[in-house]
Every structure is written in C-alpha cells, then in structure tokens.
C-alpha cells in the first residue's frame, strides 16, 4: 500500500528584497519547525525512501532538514503546482513510502483532493507552513493513485509539537 508524507515547506524569510520568491530561504522559525516535524516523523516510525521536491530554495532546505539522509528528486513543476500536476508527479514515484514537499495553495488543495475524509485538525483546511499529512493510498503502486483515494493516517503542524 503506497504511503505519502505530504509537507508544505517550512516558514521562509522575507528579509532580502533582492531575492526572488524562488530564492527565499527558511526563516529561523522554519528551521525550528523542520526539527519538530523530523522528530514527530521519527516518533511515528515513518520515513520515506523517495522525496519529490519543488526546486525552490525553501523546499530544498525543508527536505534537507527533515530528511537529511535522503537526496530529493528536484522537480521544477512542483513549484506552485496545481493538484493535477502534483498527482501526475506522484504517479511517477517508485518507492512504497514517498515524501512530497511543495507550496500552498496547491499542496493544501492536493491534500484535500486526495483524501476520502479529512482529519479533524482545525488547521488542515489552511495547511500552514510545515504542515504534514501522512496518507495511505489503496492499490499496489503509485500508478493506481487517484483523487479521493487516500485514507488519512496522521496530520500535524509544528505548533502542536
């Protein structure tokens, strides 16, 4: 059964007005959030074998801090991707447990579209920075993945940790 770890990038900085949106780094609070999410995933006993990641700096930094031992596959199309684009990329995955790291509003919409039912967490609807969903899909491979085809396992945000 394919398992997805869906993470919105952690809080990014706006300190340097010369940087493009794509170049913005994580803020100190974002770095702390990554440590919290990494610890939570470790407590859950969940780790991906494959990471699909937007090529923006803040998503790459989120990936490196949450999953330091795994080199992500950088996918330019995941930068501000639509749910349809995210599903196309997910269907190309090969590992049993995959992490996808991206941006709102697409990642929040994607989370809502893939689930059969929503977690009861009050922050699920707005999917704040570093929000993390664990969801199990039916079927034997990612090629079988579809919208409304996943069951939520867990959802958290850094402020809960």
Protein backbone atom coordinates (compact mmCIF):
# COMPACT_ATOMS: atom_id res chain seq x y z
CA UNK A 1 0.00 0.00 0.00
CA UNK A 2 1.63 3.30 -1.07
CA UNK A 3 2.13 5.85 1.72
CA UNK A 4 2.53 9.60 1.18
CA UNK A 5 4.14 12.12 3.52
CA UNK A 6 2.89 15.48 2.25
CA UNK A 7 4.75 18.50 3.63
CA UNK A 8 4.31 22.17 2.94
CA UNK A 9 7.70 23.91 3.13
CA UNK A 10 8.59 25.46 6.48
CA UNK A 11 8.35 29.19 7.22
CA UNK A 12 10.51 31.19 4.83
CA UNK A 13 12.22 34.52 5.23
CA UNK A 14 11.39 37.79 3.51
CA UNK A 15 14.45 39.68 4.77
CA UNK A 16 16.24 40.17 1.46
CA UNK A 17 14.13 42.19 -1.02
CA UNK A 18 16.57 41.35 -3.83
CA UNK A 19 15.73 37.65 -3.74
CA UNK A 20 13.04 36.24 -5.98
CA UNK A 21 10.27 34.16 -4.44
CA UNK A 22 12.03 31.05 -5.75
CA UNK A 23 15.27 32.01 -3.94
CA UNK A 24 13.82 32.71 -0.47
CA UNK A 25 15.48 30.70 2.34
CA UNK A 26 13.93 29.34 5.50
CA UNK A 27 13.46 31.70 8.43
CA UNK A 28 14.80 30.73 11.88
CA UNK A 29 11.26 29.68 12.87
CA UNK A 30 11.14 27.46 9.77
CA UNK A 31 14.37 25.74 10.75
CA UNK A 32 12.90 25.02 14.20
CA UNK A 33 9.72 23.70 12.60
CA UNK A 34 11.72 21.28 10.45
CA UNK A 35 13.37 19.84 13.56
CA UNK A 36 9.95 19.41 15.18
CA UNK A 37 8.48 17.67 12.11
CA UNK A 38 11.54 15.42 11.77
CA UNK A 39 11.18 14.39 15.41
CA UNK A 40 7.46 13.74 15.00
CA UNK A 41 8.01 11.55 11.93
CA UNK A 42 10.70 9.63 13.79
CA UNK A 43 8.28 9.05 16.70
CA UNK A 44 5.72 7.77 14.19
CA UNK A 45 8.35 5.40 12.77
CA UNK A 46 7.74 6.79 9.29
CA UNK A 47 10.44 7.64 6.78
CA UNK A 48 10.30 7.92 3.00
CA UNK A 49 12.51 6.09 0.56
CA UNK A 50 11.90 8.73 -2.10
CA UNK A 51 11.37 12.51 -1.92
CA UNK A 52 9.68 14.55 -4.63
CA UNK A 53 10.52 18.18 -4.01
CA UNK A 54 9.93 21.55 -5.62
CA UNK A 55 13.22 23.08 -6.71
CA UNK A 56 12.63 26.31 -4.73
CA UNK A 57 15.24 27.02 -2.08
CA UNK A 58 12.80 26.82 0.87
CA UNK A 59 11.52 23.39 -0.16
CA UNK A 60 15.05 22.08 -0.70
CA UNK A 61 16.06 23.36 2.74
CA UNK A 62 12.95 21.81 4.30
CA UNK A 63 13.83 18.47 2.71
CA UNK A 64 17.45 18.63 3.89
CA UNK A 65 16.43 19.40 7.48
CA UNK A 66 13.57 16.91 7.79
CA UNK A 67 15.21 14.08 5.82
CA UNK A 68 18.99 14.74 5.94
CA UNK A 69 19.98 11.25 4.80
CA UNK A 70 17.91 11.27 1.59
CA UNK A 71 18.66 13.20 -1.57
CA UNK A 72 15.41 14.56 -3.00
CA UNK A 73 14.37 14.46 -6.62
CA UNK A 74 14.00 18.14 -7.52
CA UNK A 75 11.02 18.76 -9.77
CA UNK A 76 10.66 22.30 -11.15
CA UNK A 77 6.99 21.65 -11.99
CA UNK A 78 6.21 21.27 -8.26
CA UNK A 79 6.98 24.96 -7.71
CA UNK A 80 3.47 26.35 -7.04
CA UNK A 81 1.98 23.26 -8.69
CA UNK A 82 -1.70 22.54 -9.12
CA UNK A 83 -3.19 19.39 -7.60
CA UNK A 84 -3.34 17.81 -11.07
CA UNK A 85 0.37 18.42 -11.60
CA UNK A 86 1.17 17.03 -8.16
CA UNK A 87 -0.81 13.87 -8.91
CA UNK A 88 0.99 13.41 -12.24
CA UNK A 89 4.34 13.61 -10.46
CA UNK A 90 3.24 11.32 -7.63
CA UNK A 91 2.13 8.65 -10.12
CA UNK A 92 5.74 8.51 -11.35
CA UNK A 93 7.06 7.56 -7.89
CA UNK A 94 8.54 4.12 -7.36
CA UNK A 95 9.11 3.77 -3.59
CA UNK A 96 6.49 2.44 -1.20
CA UNK A 97 6.73 5.50 1.06
CA UNK A 98 7.17 8.84 -0.69
CA UNK A 99 7.50 12.37 0.68
CA UNK A 100 6.34 15.30 -1.43
CA UNK A 101 7.36 18.82 -0.44
CA UNK A 102 5.69 21.80 -2.04
CA UNK A 103 3.83 25.08 -1.71
CA UNK A 104 0.40 26.49 -0.97
CA UNK A 105 -2.16 26.93 -2.30
CA UNK A 106 -1.58 23.79 -4.39
CA UNK A 107 -0.40 21.50 -1.62
CA UNK A 108 -3.37 22.27 0.62
CA UNK A 109 -5.77 21.68 -2.27
CA UNK A 110 -3.93 18.49 -3.17
CA UNK A 111 -4.25 17.23 0.43
CA UNK A 112 -7.99 17.88 0.39
CA UNK A 113 -8.45 16.28 -3.02
CA UNK A 114 -6.59 13.04 -2.31
CA UNK A 115 -8.40 12.14 0.92
CA UNK A 116 -11.60 10.15 1.36
CA UNK A 117 -12.20 12.05 4.61
CA UNK A 118 -10.44 14.98 6.25
CA UNK A 119 -8.55 14.87 9.54
CA UNK A 120 -10.39 16.66 12.35
CA UNK A 121 -7.45 19.03 12.94
CA UNK A 122 -8.54 22.68 12.88
CA UNK A 123 -5.54 23.71 10.72
CA UNK A 124 -6.00 21.12 7.98
CA UNK A 125 -8.09 23.45 5.80
CA UNK A 126 -5.43 26.17 5.60
CA UNK A 127 -2.39 23.83 5.57
CA UNK A 128 0.08 26.21 7.29
CA UNK A 129 3.84 26.15 6.78
CA UNK A 130 5.43 22.78 7.65
CA UNK A 131 2.01 21.13 7.94
CA UNK A 132 2.48 17.41 7.43
CA UNK A 133 -0.04 14.80 6.33
CA UNK A 134 0.55 11.07 6.27
CA UNK A 135 -1.89 9.28 3.98
CA UNK A 136 -2.21 5.71 2.73
CA UNK A 137 -3.45 5.04 -0.81
CA UNK A 138 -5.21 1.91 -1.95
CA UNK A 139 -3.75 -0.14 -4.76
CA UNK A 140 -0.38 -1.71 -5.29
CA UNK A 141 1.54 1.16 -6.89
CA UNK A 142 1.52 4.91 -7.34
CA UNK A 143 0.17 4.42 -10.85
CA UNK A 144 -3.12 3.44 -9.18
CA UNK A 145 -3.25 6.65 -7.08
CA UNK A 146 -6.18 8.94 -7.62
CA UNK A 147 -8.13 11.75 -6.05
CA UNK A 148 -10.35 10.74 -3.12
CA UNK A 149 -8.30 7.55 -2.94
CA UNK A 150 -6.28 8.02 0.26
CA UNK A 151 -7.03 7.46 3.91
CA UNK A 152 -5.52 9.93 6.39
CA UNK A 153 -3.17 8.33 8.94
CA UNK A 154 -1.98 11.44 10.78
CA UNK A 155 -1.75 15.21 10.40
CA UNK A 156 0.22 17.76 12.41
CA UNK A 157 1.57 21.28 12.38
CA UNK A 158 4.71 22.49 14.17
CA UNK A 159 2.75 24.42 16.82
CA UNK A 160 1.32 21.09 18.03
CA UNK A 161 4.79 19.68 18.68
